[in-house]
Structure formats: structure tokens, C-alpha cells
Amino acid sequence: MFAFNDHSIVKKVVSFLPQVGVGGRNGLPQQRRTSLASSKQLFRSANMTQRWQRREISNFEYLMYLIIRLQLVGALNPTRKSFFY
């Protein structure tokens, strides 16, 4: 935690920090509500399928998005799901 005396210093420091949250990677605004949204809500609002269909993103980017957002890795059955999640 940092405490700065001047708001302009805070802005400078924040400008140097990397983007965080799900918004930047998925074409969504980086807001608290975006970061707290469910996978289903993010999938709908990101329009990744439409972006992929319009060839705005590669097959690899689309598949990675699906795997990460829908949590497809490791959850082959309830036992494996409890191990990974």
C-alpha cells in the first residue's frame, strides 16, 4: 500500500503500472464490475465470437479465450475439477 501527498503523483504512478483485470485482454472496459462479472457475462459482452468471425482475432486468440474464460482445462469430471479449482 502506498500513500501519496499529491493526486498528480498517484496518476503518474498508476500510468506506469501494467493493465490488470479481464477488460484489457478481452476488449472490455477495465472497470471493477467487469473484473467481477461471471464468465457467462464476460463471454456475452466481449463479442469474441463475432470478432473471430470477422477475422479481427486469430484462431489461436479465440481458442485461448474460450479455454480461459470457460475454464475448459482440467475439468473433465468432478474429481479433476476439485483438484484444479
N, C-alpha and C. Protein backbone atom coordinates (compact mmCIF):
# COMPACT_ATOMS: atom_id res chain seq x y z
N MET A 1 0.85 -1.16 0.00
CA MET A 1 0.00 0.00 0.00
C MET A 1 0.90 1.23 0.00
N PHE A 2 0.52 2.20 -0.79
CA PHE A 2 1.26 3.45 -0.87
C PHE A 2 0.35 4.62 -0.49
N ALA A 3 0.94 5.64 0.08
CA ALA A 3 0.21 6.86 0.41
C ALA A 3 0.97 8.03 -0.20
N PHE A 4 0.31 8.75 -1.10
CA PHE A 4 0.94 9.89 -1.76
C PHE A 4 0.26 11.18 -1.31
N ASN A 5 1.04 12.23 -1.22
CA ASN A 5 0.51 13.53 -0.79
C ASN A 5 -0.24 14.25 -1.90
N ASP A 6 0.11 13.96 -3.13
CA ASP A 6 -0.43 14.71 -4.26
C ASP A 6 -1.10 13.75 -5.25
N HIS A 7 -2.30 14.10 -5.70
CA HIS A 7 -3.03 13.25 -6.64
C HIS A 7 -2.31 13.13 -7.98
N SER A 8 -1.57 14.14 -8.39
CA SER A 8 -0.84 14.07 -9.66
C SER A 8 0.24 12.99 -9.60
N ILE A 9 0.83 12.78 -8.43
CA ILE A 9 1.82 11.71 -8.28
C ILE A 9 1.15 10.36 -8.41
N VAL A 10 -0.04 10.23 -7.84
CA VAL A 10 -0.80 8.99 -7.96
C VAL A 10 -1.05 8.68 -9.43
N LYS A 11 -1.48 9.66 -10.20
CA LYS A 11 -1.75 9.46 -11.63
C LYS A 11 -0.50 9.00 -12.37
N LYS A 12 0.64 9.61 -12.05
CA LYS A 12 1.89 9.22 -12.70
C LYS A 12 2.26 7.78 -12.38
N VAL A 13 2.15 7.42 -11.12
CA VAL A 13 2.49 6.06 -10.71
C VAL A 13 1.56 5.06 -11.39
N VAL A 14 0.28 5.33 -11.37
CA VAL A 14 -0.70 4.42 -11.98
C VAL A 14 -0.45 4.28 -13.48
N SER A 15 -0.03 5.34 -14.13
CA SER A 15 0.22 5.27 -15.58
C SER A 15 1.36 4.31 -15.92
N PHE A 16 2.26 4.07 -14.97
CA PHE A 16 3.38 3.15 -15.21
C PHE A 16 3.04 1.70 -14.88
N LEU A 17 1.96 1.48 -14.18
CA LEU A 17 1.57 0.12 -13.81
C LEU A 17 0.98 -0.62 -15.00
N PRO A 18 1.18 -1.94 -15.09
CA PRO A 18 0.57 -2.70 -16.18
C PRO A 18 -0.94 -2.76 -16.00
N GLN A 19 -1.64 -2.93 -17.12
CA GLN A 19 -3.09 -3.06 -17.05
C GLN A 19 -3.43 -4.37 -16.35
N VAL A 20 -4.45 -4.33 -15.53
CA VAL A 20 -4.87 -5.53 -14.81
C VAL A 20 -6.34 -5.76 -15.04
N GLY A 21 -6.79 -6.92 -14.63
CA GLY A 21 -8.19 -7.24 -14.80
C GLY A 21 -8.44 -7.89 -16.14
N VAL A 22 -9.66 -8.30 -16.36
CA VAL A 22 -10.01 -9.02 -17.57
C VAL A 22 -10.30 -8.10 -18.74
N GLY A 23 -10.60 -6.86 -18.48
CA GLY A 23 -11.02 -5.94 -19.53
C GLY A 23 -10.03 -5.75 -20.64
N GLY A 24 -8.78 -5.46 -20.33
CA GLY A 24 -7.79 -5.16 -21.35
C GLY A 24 -7.54 -6.29 -22.32
N ARG A 25 -7.56 -7.51 -21.84
CA ARG A 25 -7.29 -8.65 -22.70
C ARG A 25 -8.47 -9.01 -23.59
N ASN A 26 -9.67 -8.68 -23.17
CA ASN A 26 -10.87 -9.14 -23.87
C ASN A 26 -11.65 -8.04 -24.56
N GLY A 27 -11.06 -6.90 -24.72
CA GLY A 27 -11.74 -5.81 -25.40
C GLY A 27 -12.87 -5.20 -24.59
N LEU A 28 -12.82 -5.33 -23.29
CA LEU A 28 -13.85 -4.78 -22.41
C LEU A 28 -13.26 -3.64 -21.60
N PRO A 29 -14.11 -2.75 -21.12
CA PRO A 29 -13.57 -1.68 -20.27
C PRO A 29 -13.00 -2.26 -18.98
N GLN A 30 -11.92 -1.67 -18.52
CA GLN A 30 -11.30 -2.14 -17.29
C GLN A 30 -11.94 -1.45 -16.10
N GLN A 31 -13.03 -2.02 -15.66
CA GLN A 31 -13.77 -1.48 -14.53
C GLN A 31 -13.96 -2.57 -13.51
N ARG A 32 -14.25 -2.17 -12.29
CA ARG A 32 -14.44 -3.16 -11.23
C ARG A 32 -15.56 -4.13 -11.58
N ARG A 33 -16.65 -3.64 -12.14
CA ARG A 33 -17.77 -4.55 -12.44
C ARG A 33 -17.39 -5.54 -13.54
N THR A 34 -16.50 -5.14 -14.46
CA THR A 34 -16.04 -6.08 -15.48
C THR A 34 -15.22 -7.18 -14.84
N SER A 35 -14.34 -6.81 -13.94
CA SER A 35 -13.49 -7.80 -13.28
C SER A 35 -14.29 -8.76 -12.41
N LEU A 36 -15.43 -8.32 -11.92
CA LEU A 36 -16.23 -9.16 -11.03
C LEU A 36 -17.35 -9.90 -11.76
N ALA A 37 -17.45 -9.72 -13.06
CA ALA A 37 -18.52 -10.37 -13.83
C ALA A 37 -18.26 -11.87 -13.95
N SER A 38 -19.34 -12.61 -14.16
CA SER A 38 -19.21 -14.06 -14.34
C SER A 38 -18.66 -14.36 -15.73
N SER A 39 -18.19 -15.58 -15.92
CA SER A 39 -17.66 -15.98 -17.22
C SER A 39 -18.71 -15.84 -18.31
N LYS A 40 -19.95 -16.18 -17.98
CA LYS A 40 -21.04 -16.09 -18.96
C LYS A 40 -21.27 -14.63 -19.37
N GLN A 41 -21.27 -13.72 -18.40
CA GLN A 41 -21.46 -12.30 -18.71
C GLN A 41 -20.30 -11.76 -19.54
N LEU A 42 -19.09 -12.15 -19.19
CA LEU A 42 -17.92 -11.70 -19.94
C LEU A 42 -17.95 -12.22 -21.37
N PHE A 43 -18.33 -13.49 -21.52
CA PHE A 43 -18.38 -14.08 -22.85
C PHE A 43 -19.35 -13.31 -23.75
N ARG A 44 -20.52 -12.98 -23.20
CA ARG A 44 -21.51 -12.23 -23.99
C ARG A 44 -21.03 -10.83 -24.32
N SER A 45 -20.48 -10.15 -23.34
CA SER A 45 -20.13 -8.74 -23.55
C SER A 45 -18.85 -8.55 -24.36
N ALA A 46 -18.00 -9.55 -24.43
CA ALA A 46 -16.74 -9.41 -25.16
C ALA A 46 -16.93 -9.55 -26.67
N ASN A 47 -18.02 -10.16 -27.11
CA ASN A 47 -18.28 -10.36 -28.54
C ASN A 47 -17.12 -11.04 -29.25
N MET A 48 -16.45 -11.95 -28.56
CA MET A 48 -15.29 -12.61 -29.15
C MET A 48 -15.67 -13.47 -30.34
N THR A 49 -16.83 -14.12 -30.28
CA THR A 49 -17.24 -14.94 -31.42
C THR A 49 -17.42 -14.09 -32.66
N GLN A 50 -18.06 -12.94 -32.50
CA GLN A 50 -18.25 -12.04 -33.64
C GLN A 50 -16.90 -11.50 -34.13
N ARG A 51 -16.01 -11.17 -33.22
CA ARG A 51 -14.68 -10.68 -33.61
C ARG A 51 -13.92 -11.76 -34.37
N TRP A 52 -14.05 -13.01 -33.93
CA TRP A 52 -13.38 -14.12 -34.61
C TRP A 52 -13.99 -14.33 -36.00
N GLN A 53 -15.33 -14.26 -36.10
CA GLN A 53 -15.99 -14.44 -37.38
C GLN A 53 -15.61 -13.35 -38.38
N ARG A 54 -15.38 -12.15 -37.89
CA ARG A 54 -14.97 -11.04 -38.76
C ARG A 54 -13.46 -11.03 -39.00
N ARG A 55 -12.78 -12.05 -38.49
CA ARG A 55 -11.33 -12.20 -38.63
C ARG A 55 -10.55 -11.06 -37.98
N GLU A 56 -11.11 -10.50 -36.92
CA GLU A 56 -10.41 -9.46 -36.17
C GLU A 56 -9.41 -10.06 -35.19
N ILE A 57 -9.63 -11.32 -34.83
CA ILE A 57 -8.69 -12.03 -33.96
C ILE A 57 -8.37 -13.37 -34.61
N SER A 58 -7.23 -13.93 -34.26
CA SER A 58 -6.79 -15.20 -34.85
C SER A 58 -7.52 -16.38 -34.20
N ASN A 59 -7.40 -17.53 -34.86
CA ASN A 59 -7.97 -18.76 -34.29
C ASN A 59 -7.36 -19.03 -32.92
N PHE A 60 -6.04 -18.84 -32.83
CA PHE A 60 -5.35 -19.07 -31.56
C PHE A 60 -5.91 -18.18 -30.45
N GLU A 61 -6.07 -16.89 -30.73
CA GLU A 61 -6.61 -15.96 -29.73
C GLU A 61 -8.01 -16.37 -29.29
N TYR A 62 -8.83 -16.78 -30.26
CA TYR A 62 -10.20 -17.18 -29.95
C TYR A 62 -10.22 -18.44 -29.09
N LEU A 63 -9.42 -19.43 -29.47
CA LEU A 63 -9.37 -20.67 -28.69
C LEU A 63 -8.83 -20.43 -27.29
N MET A 64 -7.81 -19.60 -27.17
CA MET A 64 -7.28 -19.28 -25.84
C MET A 64 -8.34 -18.58 -25.00
N TYR A 65 -9.08 -17.70 -25.62
CA TYR A 65 -10.16 -17.01 -24.91
C TYR A 65 -11.18 -18.02 -24.40
N LEU A 66 -11.59 -18.94 -25.26
CA LEU A 66 -12.58 -19.95 -24.86
C LEU A 66 -12.06 -20.81 -23.72
N ILE A 67 -10.83 -21.25 -23.83
CA ILE A 67 -10.26 -22.12 -22.81
C ILE A 67 -10.18 -21.40 -21.47
N ILE A 68 -9.70 -20.17 -21.49
CA ILE A 68 -9.53 -19.42 -20.24
C ILE A 68 -10.87 -18.99 -19.66
N ARG A 69 -11.72 -18.39 -20.48
CA ARG A 69 -12.99 -17.86 -19.98
C ARG A 69 -13.93 -18.96 -19.53
N LEU A 70 -13.99 -20.03 -20.28
CA LEU A 70 -14.94 -21.09 -19.96
C LEU A 70 -14.34 -22.16 -19.06
N GLN A 71 -13.10 -21.97 -18.66
CA GLN A 71 -12.39 -22.87 -17.75
C GLN A 71 -12.48 -24.31 -18.22
N LEU A 72 -12.04 -24.54 -19.45
CA LEU A 72 -12.15 -25.86 -20.04
C LEU A 72 -11.01 -26.80 -19.64
N VAL A 73 -9.92 -26.28 -19.14
CA VAL A 73 -8.75 -27.10 -18.83
C VAL A 73 -8.92 -27.79 -17.49
N GLY A 74 -8.77 -29.11 -17.50
CA GLY A 74 -8.72 -29.86 -16.25
C GLY A 74 -10.06 -30.31 -15.69
N ALA A 75 -11.16 -29.75 -16.11
CA ALA A 75 -12.44 -30.09 -15.52
C ALA A 75 -13.15 -31.18 -16.32
N LEU A 76 -12.49 -32.32 -16.47
CA LEU A 76 -13.07 -33.41 -17.24
C LEU A 76 -14.14 -34.17 -16.45
N ASN A 77 -14.03 -34.16 -15.15
CA ASN A 77 -15.01 -34.78 -14.28
C ASN A 77 -14.97 -34.07 -12.93
N PRO A 78 -15.93 -34.31 -12.04
CA PRO A 78 -15.97 -33.58 -10.76
C PRO A 78 -14.70 -33.75 -9.92
N THR A 79 -14.08 -34.93 -9.95
CA THR A 79 -12.87 -35.15 -9.17
C THR A 79 -11.74 -34.26 -9.67
N ARG A 80 -11.54 -34.22 -11.00
CA ARG A 80 -10.49 -33.37 -11.56
C ARG A 80 -10.81 -31.90 -11.35
N LYS A 81 -12.08 -31.55 -11.43
CA LYS A 81 -12.46 -30.16 -11.22
C LYS A 81 -12.08 -29.71 -9.81
N SER A 82 -12.35 -30.55 -8.83
CA SER A 82 -12.00 -30.18 -7.45
C SER A 82 -10.48 -30.08 -7.28
N PHE A 83 -9.73 -30.85 -8.05
CA PHE A 83 -8.26 -30.77 -7.98
C PHE A 83 -7.75 -29.45 -8.55
N PHE A 84 -8.30 -29.02 -9.69
CA PHE A 84 -7.81 -27.82 -10.37
C PHE A 84 -8.44 -26.54 -9.84
N TYR A 85 -9.65 -26.61 -9.32
CA TYR A 85 -10.33 -25.40 -8.87
C TYR A 85 -10.55 -25.49 -7.41
